[in-house]
Amino acid sequence: MKYIAILFFTIVLTNFSNAKTMSMVDLLTDYPAYFNALIQGVSIRADDVFTNPNTAELIESYFKPYQVKSLLD
């Protein structure tokens, strides 16, 4: 759950200028593959977030707008 909280606060802070926040329920519902992987203790190493199955759900809403290409969670 620590990782979920970190991502949650990152999304809230990143979107603060847009005055858009997402509840934890929204995050878990909208991005189930990503959060289920984290909850199961999977380390997500995405050299390319656009091809990783655990990060694919975040492409349009997060990675493209913020030009994220890779991540390690």
C-alpha atoms as a PDB file:
ATOM      1  CA  MET A   1       0.000   0.000   0.000  1.00  0.00           C
ATOM      2  CA  LYS A   2       2.995   2.319   0.452  1.00  0.00           C
ATOM      3  CA  TYR A   3       3.568   2.400  -3.313  1.00  0.00           C
ATOM      4  CA  ILE A   4      -0.064   3.203  -3.999  1.00  0.00           C
ATOM      5  CA  ALA A   5       0.058   6.134  -1.622  1.00  0.00           C
ATOM      6  CA  ILE A   6       3.227   7.440  -3.250  1.00  0.00           C
ATOM      7  CA  LEU A   7       1.735   7.280  -6.744  1.00  0.00           C
ATOM      8  CA  PHE A   8      -1.522   8.772  -5.494  1.00  0.00           C
ATOM      9  CA  PHE A   9       0.256  11.787  -4.045  1.00  0.00           C
ATOM     10  CA  THR A  10       2.442  12.104  -7.142  1.00  0.00           C
ATOM     11  CA  ILE A  11      -0.629  12.248  -9.354  1.00  0.00           C
ATOM     12  CA  VAL A  12      -2.348  14.760  -7.085  1.00  0.00           C
ATOM     13  CA  LEU A  13       0.722  17.005  -6.932  1.00  0.00           C
ATOM     14  CA  THR A  14       1.436  16.700 -10.644  1.00  0.00           C
ATOM     15  CA  ASN A  15      -2.127  17.619 -11.512  1.00  0.00           C
ATOM     16  CA  PHE A  16      -2.430  20.308  -8.857  1.00  0.00           C
ATOM     17  CA  SER A  17      -2.180  23.101 -11.413  1.00  0.00           C
ATOM     18  CA  ASN A  18      -5.073  21.516 -13.302  1.00  0.00           C
ATOM     19  CA  ALA A  19      -7.091  21.283 -10.067  1.00  0.00           C
ATOM     20  CA  LYS A  20      -7.708  17.605 -10.809  1.00  0.00           C
ATOM     21  CA  THR A  21      -7.377  14.995  -8.125  1.00  0.00           C
ATOM     22  CA  MET A  22      -8.260  11.344  -8.245  1.00  0.00           C
ATOM     23  CA  SER A  23      -9.534   9.322  -5.330  1.00  0.00           C
ATOM     24  CA  MET A  24      -7.892   6.040  -4.409  1.00  0.00           C
ATOM     25  CA  VAL A  25     -10.990   4.212  -5.664  1.00  0.00           C
ATOM     26  CA  ASP A  26     -10.673   5.966  -9.039  1.00  0.00           C
ATOM     27  CA  LEU A  27      -7.034   4.963  -9.288  1.00  0.00           C
ATOM     28  CA  LEU A  28      -7.694   1.315  -8.438  1.00  0.00           C
ATOM     29  CA  THR A  29     -10.635   1.161 -10.841  1.00  0.00           C
ATOM     30  CA  ASP A  30      -9.007   2.973 -13.735  1.00  0.00           C
ATOM     31  CA  TYR A  31      -5.597   1.286 -13.514  1.00  0.00           C
ATOM     32  CA  PRO A  32      -6.195  -2.251 -12.180  1.00  0.00           C
ATOM     33  CA  ALA A  33      -3.209  -3.975 -13.855  1.00  0.00           C
ATOM     34  CA  TYR A  34      -0.757  -1.450 -12.465  1.00  0.00           C
ATOM     35  CA  PHE A  35      -2.109  -1.438  -8.925  1.00  0.00           C
ATOM     36  CA  ASN A  36      -2.754  -5.179  -8.757  1.00  0.00           C
ATOM     37  CA  ALA A  37       0.871  -5.756  -9.729  1.00  0.00           C
ATOM     38  CA  LEU A  38       2.039  -3.427  -6.950  1.00  0.00           C
ATOM     39  CA  ILE A  39      -0.338  -4.933  -4.399  1.00  0.00           C
ATOM     40  CA  GLN A  40       1.002  -8.401  -5.275  1.00  0.00           C
ATOM     41  CA  GLY A  41       4.522  -7.154  -4.648  1.00  0.00           C
ATOM     42  CA  VAL A  42       5.618  -7.091  -8.281  1.00  0.00           C
ATOM     43  CA  SER A  43       8.415  -4.663  -9.030  1.00  0.00           C
ATOM     44  CA  ILE A  44       7.496  -2.852 -12.208  1.00  0.00           C
ATOM     45  CA  ARG A  45      10.510  -2.146 -14.396  1.00  0.00           C
ATOM     46  CA  ALA A  46       9.235  -0.529 -17.547  1.00  0.00           C
ATOM     47  CA  ASP A  47      12.053   0.454 -19.879  1.00  0.00           C
ATOM     48  CA  ASP A  48       9.270   1.427 -22.271  1.00  0.00           C
ATOM     49  CA  VAL A  49       5.988   2.295 -20.538  1.00  0.00           C
ATOM     50  CA  PHE A  50       4.160   2.024 -23.868  1.00  0.00           C
ATOM     51  CA  THR A  51       4.850  -1.712 -24.236  1.00  0.00           C
ATOM     52  CA  ASN A  52       4.760  -2.911 -20.618  1.00  0.00           C
ATOM     53  CA  PRO A  53       1.468  -4.690 -19.794  1.00  0.00           C
ATOM     54  CA  ASN A  54       1.461  -3.310 -16.244  1.00  0.00           C
ATOM     55  CA  THR A  55       1.727   0.298 -17.380  1.00  0.00           C
ATOM     56  CA  ALA A  56      -0.360   0.294 -20.564  1.00  0.00           C
ATOM     57  CA  GLU A  57      -3.445   1.653 -18.777  1.00  0.00           C
ATOM     58  CA  LEU A  58      -1.592   4.840 -17.839  1.00  0.00           C
ATOM     59  CA  ILE A  59      -0.460   5.772 -21.364  1.00  0.00           C
ATOM     60  CA  GLU A  60      -3.125   8.278 -22.401  1.00  0.00           C
ATOM     61  CA  SER A  61      -3.910   9.786 -19.013  1.00  0.00           C
ATOM     62  CA  TYR A  62      -0.425  10.084 -17.552  1.00  0.00           C
ATOM     63  CA  PHE A  63       2.556   9.031 -19.657  1.00  0.00           C
ATOM     64  CA  LYS A  64       1.783  10.936 -22.855  1.00  0.00           C
ATOM     65  CA  PRO A  65       0.747  14.230 -21.214  1.00  0.00           C
ATOM     66  CA  TYR A  66       3.801  14.208 -18.917  1.00  0.00           C
ATOM     67  CA  GLN A  67       6.177  12.670 -21.473  1.00  0.00           C
ATOM     68  CA  VAL A  68       7.051   9.691 -19.293  1.00  0.00           C
ATOM     69  CA  LYS A  69       9.015   7.095 -21.232  1.00  0.00           C
ATOM     70  CA  SER A  70      10.114   4.646 -18.520  1.00  0.00           C
ATOM     71  CA  LEU A  71       9.650   3.964 -14.816  1.00  0.00           C
ATOM     72  CA  LEU A  72      10.713   1.768 -11.951  1.00  0.00           C
ATOM     73  CA  ASP A  73       8.162   1.066  -9.223  1.00  0.00           C
END
